[in-house]
Amino acid sequence: MSKVLVVTGASSGIGKEIAQYFHDKGFNVYGVSRSIPNGTLPYHYIACDVTKEEMIQSAISEIEKAESKIDILINCAGMGVSGAIEYTTFEEVKRIFEVNVYGVFLFSKAALPLLRKSDQAKIINIGSVAGDLMIPFQAFYSMTKASVHAFSEALRMELRPFKIDVSCVLPGDTKTGFTQNREQPNVMENDIYKDRIKRSIARMEKDEQNGKSPMTVVKVVDKLIKRKSMPVKVTVGFEYKLFVFLKRLLPKRFENWILYVMYGK
């Protein structure tokens, strides 16, 4: 019997690549997203806003009627908000936390009864290197991804007796539609910050568009699914693994200065 894999954020980017890849490998895939993907999909699709608890419960009920269990849940839905902290509105902060953090919590919570029915269930949350390396003018994105990392570690320990394994994947710059979909700041340039905000976002977007293919993230997810026991978290790409490793060795002040020069100066 094919394994049942559910992936949120399946309308574009990494989530869509994951859904297609594992469908092609014979998994029984359910793609979940708020936006309806273009074209005919070869896998199951359920329209669901991960910030709406009632829609999540409806999606889980639909899966339960068809499958009775979930073997793998991949929480991939996410969004970006950029700009200076000083000019960011509470509504913007609330929105990014609702999608990037509360959505992971709500969907994981709702899926747990079906995951417990699998003999070797896995939850894989898509975090970010930006959750380990705080980026100026991307403060709230970094905050949400750091929250996903913390959530994943705690959930892993809570679910260990049920043999539900949890891991967090940390991609670096990845070339997807995420760049175009990132919400632009209300203030891009003024007499106080000069053009620092604009230059920082331009650097970030250039890095993303020159970044790795989403397939590099998919291959890491594939390796995790094949493992009997997953690591707590895994960073995608040698250079990002090196950055995260050096973070442990370098003085915090030096790390902070490097990121300032790259994205904040």
C-alpha atoms as a PDB file:
ATOM      1  CA  MET A   1       0.000   0.000   0.000  1.00  0.00           C
ATOM      2  CA  SER A   2       1.298   3.464  -0.942  1.00  0.00           C
ATOM      3  CA  LYS A   3       2.316   5.788   1.854  1.00  0.00           C
ATOM      4  CA  VAL A   4      -0.011   8.747   2.396  1.00  0.00           C
ATOM      5  CA  LEU A   5       1.876  12.057   2.239  1.00  0.00           C
ATOM      6  CA  VAL A   6       0.279  15.419   3.013  1.00  0.00           C
ATOM      7  CA  VAL A   7       2.087  18.648   2.122  1.00  0.00           C
ATOM      8  CA  THR A   8       0.889  22.178   2.887  1.00  0.00           C
ATOM      9  CA  GLY A   9       1.801  25.106   0.671  1.00  0.00           C
ATOM     10  CA  ALA A  10       1.469  22.838  -2.364  1.00  0.00           C
ATOM     11  CA  SER A  11       0.384  25.494  -4.863  1.00  0.00           C
ATOM     12  CA  SER A  12       3.888  26.767  -5.627  1.00  0.00           C
ATOM     13  CA  GLY A  13       7.593  26.644  -4.837  1.00  0.00           C
ATOM     14  CA  ILE A  14       9.064  23.927  -2.647  1.00  0.00           C
ATOM     15  CA  GLY A  15       5.658  22.567  -1.603  1.00  0.00           C
ATOM     16  CA  LYS A  16       4.553  22.039  -5.203  1.00  0.00           C
ATOM     17  CA  GLU A  17       7.863  20.369  -6.090  1.00  0.00           C
ATOM     18  CA  ILE A  18       7.504  18.034  -3.097  1.00  0.00           C
ATOM     19  CA  ALA A  19       3.955  17.064  -4.077  1.00  0.00           C
ATOM     20  CA  GLN A  20       4.899  16.317  -7.694  1.00  0.00           C
ATOM     21  CA  TYR A  21       8.112  14.468  -6.818  1.00  0.00           C
ATOM     22  CA  PHE A  22       6.548  12.081  -4.335  1.00  0.00           C
ATOM     23  CA  HIS A  23       3.512  11.500  -6.535  1.00  0.00           C
ATOM     24  CA  ASP A  24       5.912  10.431  -9.289  1.00  0.00           C
ATOM     25  CA  LYS A  25       7.562   8.067  -6.790  1.00  0.00           C
ATOM     26  CA  GLY A  26       4.267   6.328  -6.096  1.00  0.00           C
ATOM     27  CA  PHE A  27       3.188   8.051  -2.883  1.00  0.00           C
ATOM     28  CA  ASN A  28      -0.473   8.852  -2.336  1.00  0.00           C
ATOM     29  CA  VAL A  29      -0.092  12.638  -2.169  1.00  0.00           C
ATOM     30  CA  TYR A  30      -2.512  15.226  -0.822  1.00  0.00           C
ATOM     31  CA  GLY A  31      -1.513  18.782  -1.646  1.00  0.00           C
ATOM     32  CA  VAL A  32      -3.001  21.479   0.569  1.00  0.00           C
ATOM     33  CA  SER A  33      -2.938  25.216  -0.087  1.00  0.00           C
ATOM     34  CA  ARG A  34      -5.025  28.360   0.068  1.00  0.00           C
ATOM     35  CA  SER A  35      -4.357  29.249  -3.580  1.00  0.00           C
ATOM     36  CA  ILE A  36      -5.611  26.880  -6.255  1.00  0.00           C
ATOM     37  CA  PRO A  37      -2.681  25.654  -8.412  1.00  0.00           C
ATOM     38  CA  ASN A  38      -2.769  26.215 -12.157  1.00  0.00           C
ATOM     39  CA  GLY A  39      -3.429  23.299 -14.499  1.00  0.00           C
ATOM     40  CA  THR A  40      -4.497  19.730 -13.908  1.00  0.00           C
ATOM     41  CA  LEU A  41      -2.871  18.085 -10.904  1.00  0.00           C
ATOM     42  CA  PRO A  42      -1.932  14.387 -10.867  1.00  0.00           C
ATOM     43  CA  TYR A  43      -2.259  14.204  -7.073  1.00  0.00           C
ATOM     44  CA  HIS A  44      -5.121  14.973  -4.694  1.00  0.00           C
ATOM     45  CA  TYR A  45      -5.654  18.650  -3.932  1.00  0.00           C
ATOM     46  CA  ILE A  46      -7.566  20.199  -1.025  1.00  0.00           C
ATOM     47  CA  ALA A  47      -8.200  23.943  -0.782  1.00  0.00           C
ATOM     48  CA  CYS A  48      -7.318  24.974   2.760  1.00  0.00           C
ATOM     49  CA  ASP A  49      -6.088  28.108   4.494  1.00  0.00           C
ATOM     50  CA  VAL A  50      -3.726  26.853   7.220  1.00  0.00           C
ATOM     51  CA  THR A  51      -4.657  29.820   9.422  1.00  0.00           C
ATOM     52  CA  LYS A  52      -8.302  28.691   9.549  1.00  0.00           C
ATOM     53  CA  GLU A  53      -8.859  25.881  12.051  1.00  0.00           C
ATOM     54  CA  GLU A  54     -12.245  24.908  10.634  1.00  0.00           C
ATOM     55  CA  MET A  55     -10.795  24.514   7.123  1.00  0.00           C
ATOM     56  CA  ILE A  56      -7.966  22.381   8.497  1.00  0.00           C
ATOM     57  CA  GLN A  57     -10.419  20.100  10.297  1.00  0.00           C
ATOM     58  CA  SER A  58     -12.432  19.768   7.101  1.00  0.00           C
ATOM     59  CA  ALA A  59      -9.298  18.842   5.121  1.00  0.00           C
ATOM     60  CA  ILE A  60      -8.238  16.250   7.697  1.00  0.00           C
ATOM     61  CA  SER A  61     -11.755  14.750   7.685  1.00  0.00           C
ATOM     62  CA  GLU A  62     -11.630  14.474   3.900  1.00  0.00           C
ATOM     63  CA  ILE A  63      -8.300  12.648   4.077  1.00  0.00           C
ATOM     64  CA  GLU A  64      -9.539  10.379   6.861  1.00  0.00           C
ATOM     65  CA  LYS A  65     -12.579   9.292   4.833  1.00  0.00           C
ATOM     66  CA  ALA A  66     -10.346   8.297   1.922  1.00  0.00           C
ATOM     67  CA  GLU A  67      -7.239   6.957   3.678  1.00  0.00           C
ATOM     68  CA  SER A  68      -7.817   6.397   7.427  1.00  0.00           C
ATOM     69  CA  LYS A  69      -4.204   7.416   8.206  1.00  0.00           C
ATOM     70  CA  ILE A  70      -1.371   9.830   7.349  1.00  0.00           C
ATOM     71  CA  ASP A  71       2.178   8.502   7.088  1.00  0.00           C
ATOM     72  CA  ILE A  72       4.040  11.747   6.366  1.00  0.00           C
ATOM     73  CA  LEU A  73       3.099  15.375   7.011  1.00  0.00           C
ATOM     74  CA  ILE A  74       5.237  18.102   5.478  1.00  0.00           C
ATOM     75  CA  ASN A  75       4.460  21.620   6.697  1.00  0.00           C
ATOM     76  CA  CYS A  76       5.684  23.869   3.906  1.00  0.00           C
ATOM     77  CA  ALA A  77       3.199  26.757   3.758  1.00  0.00           C
ATOM     78  CA  GLY A  78       4.900  30.078   4.409  1.00  0.00           C
ATOM     79  CA  MET A  79       5.130  33.749   3.548  1.00  0.00           C
ATOM     80  CA  GLY A  80       7.580  36.619   3.879  1.00  0.00           C
ATOM     81  CA  VAL A  81       7.347  40.148   5.242  1.00  0.00           C
ATOM     82  CA  SER A  82      10.276  42.521   4.872  1.00  0.00           C
ATOM     83  CA  GLY A  83      11.189  46.020   6.006  1.00  0.00           C
ATOM     84  CA  ALA A  84      12.381  47.920   9.060  1.00  0.00           C
ATOM     85  CA  ILE A  85      10.953  46.887  12.427  1.00  0.00           C
ATOM     86  CA  GLU A  86      10.158  50.549  13.127  1.00  0.00           C
ATOM     87  CA  TYR A  87       7.716  50.750  10.226  1.00  0.00           C
ATOM     88  CA  THR A  88       6.200  47.266  10.367  1.00  0.00           C
ATOM     89  CA  THR A  89       2.545  47.188  11.382  1.00  0.00           C
ATOM     90  CA  PHE A  90       1.096  44.805  13.941  1.00  0.00           C
ATOM     91  CA  GLU A  91      -1.237  43.430  11.250  1.00  0.00           C
ATOM     92  CA  GLU A  92       1.775  42.447   9.116  1.00  0.00           C
ATOM     93  CA  VAL A  93       3.436  40.717  12.074  1.00  0.00           C
ATOM     94  CA  LYS A  94       0.207  38.968  13.012  1.00  0.00           C
ATOM     95  CA  ARG A  95      -0.278  37.718   9.441  1.00  0.00           C
ATOM     96  CA  ILE A  96       3.205  36.210   9.071  1.00  0.00           C
ATOM     97  CA  PHE A  97       2.968  34.487  12.468  1.00  0.00           C
ATOM     98  CA  GLU A  98      -0.478  33.117  11.583  1.00  0.00           C
ATOM     99  CA  VAL A  99       0.865  31.490   8.407  1.00  0.00           C
ATOM    100  CA  ASN A 100       4.428  30.520   9.315  1.00  0.00           C
ATOM    101  CA  VAL A 101       3.951  29.497  12.962  1.00  0.00           C
ATOM    102  CA  TYR A 102       0.303  29.026  13.902  1.00  0.00           C
ATOM    103  CA  GLY A 103      -0.384  27.227  10.610  1.00  0.00           C
ATOM    104  CA  VAL A 104       2.317  24.654  11.396  1.00  0.00           C
ATOM    105  CA  PHE A 105       0.904  24.196  14.892  1.00  0.00           C
ATOM    106  CA  LEU A 106      -2.744  23.927  13.822  1.00  0.00           C
ATOM    107  CA  PHE A 107      -2.171  21.511  10.947  1.00  0.00           C
ATOM    108  CA  SER A 108       0.184  19.309  12.968  1.00  0.00           C
ATOM    109  CA  LYS A 109      -2.277  19.221  15.879  1.00  0.00           C
ATOM    110  CA  ALA A 110      -5.191  18.251  13.615  1.00  0.00           C
ATOM    111  CA  ALA A 111      -3.186  15.565  11.807  1.00  0.00           C
ATOM    112  CA  LEU A 112      -1.860  13.800  14.913  1.00  0.00           C
ATOM    113  CA  PRO A 113      -4.744  11.310  15.364  1.00  0.00           C
ATOM    114  CA  LEU A 114      -4.211  10.085  11.762  1.00  0.00           C
ATOM    115  CA  LEU A 115      -0.421  10.094  12.118  1.00  0.00           C
ATOM    116  CA  ARG A 116      -0.724   7.858  15.184  1.00  0.00           C
ATOM    117  CA  LYS A 117      -2.432   5.253  12.989  1.00  0.00           C
ATOM    118  CA  SER A 118       0.713   4.889  10.865  1.00  0.00           C
ATOM    119  CA  ASP A 119       3.371   2.404  11.946  1.00  0.00           C
ATOM    120  CA  GLN A 120       6.217   4.835  11.190  1.00  0.00           C
ATOM    121  CA  ALA A 121       4.848   8.364  10.899  1.00  0.00           C
ATOM    122  CA  LYS A 122       6.954  11.436  10.173  1.00  0.00           C
ATOM    123  CA  ILE A 123       6.433  15.186  10.433  1.00  0.00           C
ATOM    124  CA  ILE A 124       8.853  17.332   8.461  1.00  0.00           C
ATOM    125  CA  ASN A 125       8.651  21.085   8.990  1.00  0.00           C
ATOM    126  CA  ILE A 126      10.279  23.474   6.533  1.00  0.00           C
ATOM    127  CA  GLY A 127      12.215  26.057   8.513  1.00  0.00           C
ATOM    128  CA  SER A 128      15.002  28.294   7.200  1.00  0.00           C
ATOM    129  CA  VAL A 129      18.650  29.162   7.740  1.00  0.00           C
ATOM    130  CA  ALA A 130      17.218  32.620   8.509  1.00  0.00           C
ATOM    131  CA  GLY A 131      15.802  31.096  11.694  1.00  0.00           C
ATOM    132  CA  ASP A 132      19.351  30.386  12.890  1.00  0.00           C
ATOM    133  CA  LEU A 133      21.037  33.452  11.373  1.00  0.00           C
ATOM    134  CA  MET A 134      18.929  36.542  12.064  1.00  0.00           C
ATOM    135  CA  ILE A 135      18.615  38.818   9.022  1.00  0.00           C
ATOM    136  CA  PRO A 136      18.146  42.604   9.354  1.00  0.00           C
ATOM    137  CA  PHE A 137      15.038  43.956   7.622  1.00  0.00           C
ATOM    138  CA  GLN A 138      13.717  40.370   7.661  1.00  0.00           C
ATOM    139  CA  ALA A 139      13.304  40.284  11.441  1.00  0.00           C
ATOM    140  CA  PHE A 140       9.827  38.808  11.551  1.00  0.00           C
ATOM    141  CA  TYR A 141      10.572  36.121   8.970  1.00  0.00           C
ATOM    142  CA  SER A 142      13.604  35.116  11.056  1.00  0.00           C
ATOM    143  CA  MET A 143      11.456  35.140  14.200  1.00  0.00           C
ATOM    144  CA  THR A 144       8.809  32.868  12.675  1.00  0.00           C
ATOM    145  CA  LYS A 145      11.347  30.369  11.375  1.00  0.00           C
ATOM    146  CA  ALA A 146      13.166  30.300  14.722  1.00  0.00           C
ATOM    147  CA  SER A 147       9.755  29.514  16.237  1.00  0.00           C
ATOM    148  CA  VAL A 148       9.264  26.631  13.781  1.00  0.00           C
ATOM    149  CA  HIS A 149      12.655  25.225  14.807  1.00  0.00           C
ATOM    150  CA  ALA A 150      11.727  25.409  18.509  1.00  0.00           C
ATOM    151  CA  PHE A 151       8.274  23.949  17.866  1.00  0.00           C
ATOM    152  CA  SER A 152       9.760  21.034  15.911  1.00  0.00           C
ATOM    153  CA  GLU A 153      12.212  20.115  18.667  1.00  0.00           C
ATOM    154  CA  ALA A 154       9.574  20.213  21.395  1.00  0.00           C
ATOM    155  CA  LEU A 155       7.046  18.284  19.308  1.00  0.00           C
ATOM    156  CA  ARG A 156       9.668  15.649  18.524  1.00  0.00           C
ATOM    157  CA  MET A 157      10.134  14.922  22.223  1.00  0.00           C
ATOM    158  CA  GLU A 158       6.418  14.900  22.970  1.00  0.00           C
ATOM    159  CA  LEU A 159       5.656  12.425  20.174  1.00  0.00           C
ATOM    160  CA  ARG A 160       8.586  10.081  20.692  1.00  0.00           C
ATOM    161  CA  PRO A 161       6.573   7.487  22.690  1.00  0.00           C
ATOM    162  CA  PHE A 162       4.083   7.302  19.796  1.00  0.00           C
ATOM    163  CA  LYS A 163       6.855   6.563  17.255  1.00  0.00           C
ATOM    164  CA  ILE A 164       6.081   9.740  15.332  1.00  0.00           C
ATOM    165  CA  ASP A 165       9.415  11.203  14.241  1.00  0.00           C
ATOM    166  CA  VAL A 166       9.824  14.968  13.730  1.00  0.00           C
ATOM    167  CA  SER A 167      12.524  16.863  11.866  1.00  0.00           C
ATOM    168  CA  CYS A 168      13.047  20.414  10.613  1.00  0.00           C
ATOM    169  CA  VAL A 169      14.629  21.228   7.227  1.00  0.00           C
ATOM    170  CA  LEU A 170      16.546  24.508   6.927  1.00  0.00           C
ATOM    171  CA  PRO A 171      16.887  25.711   3.327  1.00  0.00           C
ATOM    172  CA  GLY A 172      19.036  28.702   2.469  1.00  0.00           C
ATOM    173  CA  ASP A 173      18.440  30.897  -0.581  1.00  0.00           C
ATOM    174  CA  THR A 174      16.168  28.962  -2.935  1.00  0.00           C
ATOM    175  CA  LYS A 175      14.961  30.079  -6.362  1.00  0.00           C
ATOM    176  CA  THR A 176      11.152  30.025  -6.188  1.00  0.00           C
ATOM    177  CA  GLY A 177       8.185  32.363  -6.559  1.00  0.00           C
ATOM    178  CA  PHE A 178       8.610  33.178  -2.851  1.00  0.00           C
ATOM    179  CA  THR A 179      10.757  36.166  -3.878  1.00  0.00           C
ATOM    180  CA  GLN A 180       7.997  37.769  -5.944  1.00  0.00           C
ATOM    181  CA  ASN A 181       5.356  36.912  -3.335  1.00  0.00           C
ATOM    182  CA  ARG A 182       7.219  38.487  -0.398  1.00  0.00           C
ATOM    183  CA  GLU A 183       5.267  41.451   0.935  1.00  0.00           C
ATOM    184  CA  GLN A 184       7.168  44.665   0.291  1.00  0.00           C
ATOM    185  CA  PRO A 185       7.593  47.193   3.108  1.00  0.00           C
ATOM    186  CA  ASN A 186       5.489  50.303   3.560  1.00  0.00           C
ATOM    187  CA  VAL A 187       8.702  52.347   3.769  1.00  0.00           C
ATOM    188  CA  MET A 188      11.458  51.375   1.355  1.00  0.00           C
ATOM    189  CA  GLU A 189      13.599  54.516   1.612  1.00  0.00           C
ATOM    190  CA  ASN A 190      13.582  57.742   3.644  1.00  0.00           C
ATOM    191  CA  ASP A 191      15.827  60.357   5.261  1.00  0.00           C
ATOM    192  CA  ILE A 192      16.349  58.223   8.376  1.00  0.00           C
ATOM    193  CA  TYR A 193      17.231  54.805   6.938  1.00  0.00           C
ATOM    194  CA  LYS A 194      18.390  56.250   3.588  1.00  0.00           C
ATOM    195  CA  ASP A 195      18.462  53.374   1.064  1.00  0.00           C
ATOM    196  CA  ARG A 196      19.522  50.640   3.523  1.00  0.00           C
ATOM    197  CA  ILE A 197      16.137  48.888   3.450  1.00  0.00           C
ATOM    198  CA  LYS A 198      15.998  48.905  -0.332  1.00  0.00           C
ATOM    199  CA  ARG A 199      19.579  47.661  -0.693  1.00  0.00           C
ATOM    200  CA  SER A 200      19.072  44.904   1.885  1.00  0.00           C
ATOM    201  CA  ILE A 201      15.952  43.573   0.168  1.00  0.00           C
ATOM    202  CA  ALA A 202      17.623  43.821  -3.255  1.00  0.00           C
ATOM    203  CA  ARG A 203      20.573  41.770  -1.939  1.00  0.00           C
ATOM    204  CA  MET A 204      18.213  39.185  -0.461  1.00  0.00           C
ATOM    205  CA  GLU A 205      16.194  38.896  -3.684  1.00  0.00           C
ATOM    206  CA  LYS A 206      19.350  38.589  -5.799  1.00  0.00           C
ATOM    207  CA  ASP A 207      20.645  35.810  -3.530  1.00  0.00           C
ATOM    208  CA  GLU A 208      17.315  33.991  -3.821  1.00  0.00           C
ATOM    209  CA  GLN A 209      17.117  34.247  -7.591  1.00  0.00           C
ATOM    210  CA  ASN A 210      20.680  32.939  -7.818  1.00  0.00           C
ATOM    211  CA  GLY A 211      19.921  30.347  -5.165  1.00  0.00           C
ATOM    212  CA  LYS A 212      19.550  26.617  -5.261  1.00  0.00           C
ATOM    213  CA  SER A 213      16.810  24.780  -7.089  1.00  0.00           C
ATOM    214  CA  PRO A 214      13.850  23.732  -4.920  1.00  0.00           C
ATOM    215  CA  MET A 215      14.749  20.186  -5.960  1.00  0.00           C
ATOM    216  CA  THR A 216      17.754  20.353  -3.591  1.00  0.00           C
ATOM    217  CA  VAL A 217      15.283  20.726  -0.713  1.00  0.00           C
ATOM    218  CA  VAL A 218      13.080  17.948  -2.120  1.00  0.00           C
ATOM    219  CA  LYS A 219      16.058  15.565  -2.232  1.00  0.00           C
ATOM    220  CA  VAL A 220      16.828  16.299   1.436  1.00  0.00           C
ATOM    221  CA  VAL A 221      13.199  15.563   2.317  1.00  0.00           C
ATOM    222  CA  ASP A 222      13.427  12.335   0.315  1.00  0.00           C
ATOM    223  CA  LYS A 223      16.473  11.227   2.306  1.00  0.00           C
ATOM    224  CA  LEU A 224      14.699  12.012   5.578  1.00  0.00           C
ATOM    225  CA  ILE A 225      11.658   9.969   4.610  1.00  0.00           C
ATOM    226  CA  LYS A 226      13.881   6.981   3.807  1.00  0.00           C
ATOM    227  CA  ARG A 227      15.604   7.129   7.195  1.00  0.00           C
ATOM    228  CA  LYS A 228      14.341   5.036  10.075  1.00  0.00           C
ATOM    229  CA  SER A 229      15.272   7.835  12.483  1.00  0.00           C
ATOM    230  CA  MET A 230      15.511  11.449  11.328  1.00  0.00           C
ATOM    231  CA  PRO A 231      17.900  14.081  12.729  1.00  0.00           C
ATOM    232  CA  VAL A 232      16.422  16.892  14.812  1.00  0.00           C
ATOM    233  CA  LYS A 233      17.138  19.306  11.965  1.00  0.00           C
ATOM    234  CA  VAL A 234      19.125  19.392   8.756  1.00  0.00           C
ATOM    235  CA  THR A 235      20.517  22.339   6.806  1.00  0.00           C
ATOM    236  CA  VAL A 236      20.318  22.237   3.006  1.00  0.00           C
ATOM    237  CA  GLY A 237      23.546  22.892   1.081  1.00  0.00           C
ATOM    238  CA  PHE A 238      27.220  22.719   2.050  1.00  0.00           C
ATOM    239  CA  GLU A 239      27.762  26.483   2.287  1.00  0.00           C
ATOM    240  CA  TYR A 240      24.789  26.929   4.602  1.00  0.00           C
ATOM    241  CA  LYS A 241      25.873  23.979   6.719  1.00  0.00           C
ATOM    242  CA  LEU A 242      29.248  25.735   6.995  1.00  0.00           C
ATOM    243  CA  PHE A 243      27.587  29.029   8.037  1.00  0.00           C
ATOM    244  CA  VAL A 244      25.537  27.284  10.724  1.00  0.00           C
ATOM    245  CA  PHE A 245      28.611  25.371  11.943  1.00  0.00           C
ATOM    246  CA  LEU A 246      30.736  28.531  12.132  1.00  0.00           C
ATOM    247  CA  LYS A 247      27.940  30.214  14.087  1.00  0.00           C
ATOM    248  CA  ARG A 248      28.683  27.801  16.918  1.00  0.00           C
ATOM    249  CA  LEU A 249      32.392  28.746  16.900  1.00  0.00           C
ATOM    250  CA  LEU A 250      32.405  32.460  16.159  1.00  0.00           C
ATOM    251  CA  PRO A 251      31.711  35.092  18.814  1.00  0.00           C
ATOM    252  CA  LYS A 252      28.115  36.283  18.577  1.00  0.00           C
ATOM    253  CA  ARG A 253      29.263  39.845  18.084  1.00  0.00           C
ATOM    254  CA  PHE A 254      31.365  38.850  15.038  1.00  0.00           C
ATOM    255  CA  GLU A 255      28.497  36.843  13.522  1.00  0.00           C
ATOM    256  CA  ASN A 256      26.198  39.828  14.034  1.00  0.00           C
ATOM    257  CA  TRP A 257      28.700  42.166  12.345  1.00  0.00           C
ATOM    258  CA  ILE A 258      29.033  39.897   9.283  1.00  0.00           C
ATOM    259  CA  LEU A 259      25.256  39.799   8.811  1.00  0.00           C
ATOM    260  CA  TYR A 260      25.114  43.554   9.287  1.00  0.00           C
ATOM    261  CA  VAL A 261      27.693  44.096   6.547  1.00  0.00           C
ATOM    262  CA  MET A 262      25.887  41.689   4.222  1.00  0.00           C
ATOM    263  CA  TYR A 263      22.301  42.833   4.755  1.00  0.00           C
ATOM    264  CA  GLY A 264      22.106  45.812   7.090  1.00  0.00           C
ATOM    265  CA  LYS A 265      24.795  48.371   6.301  1.00  0.00           C
END
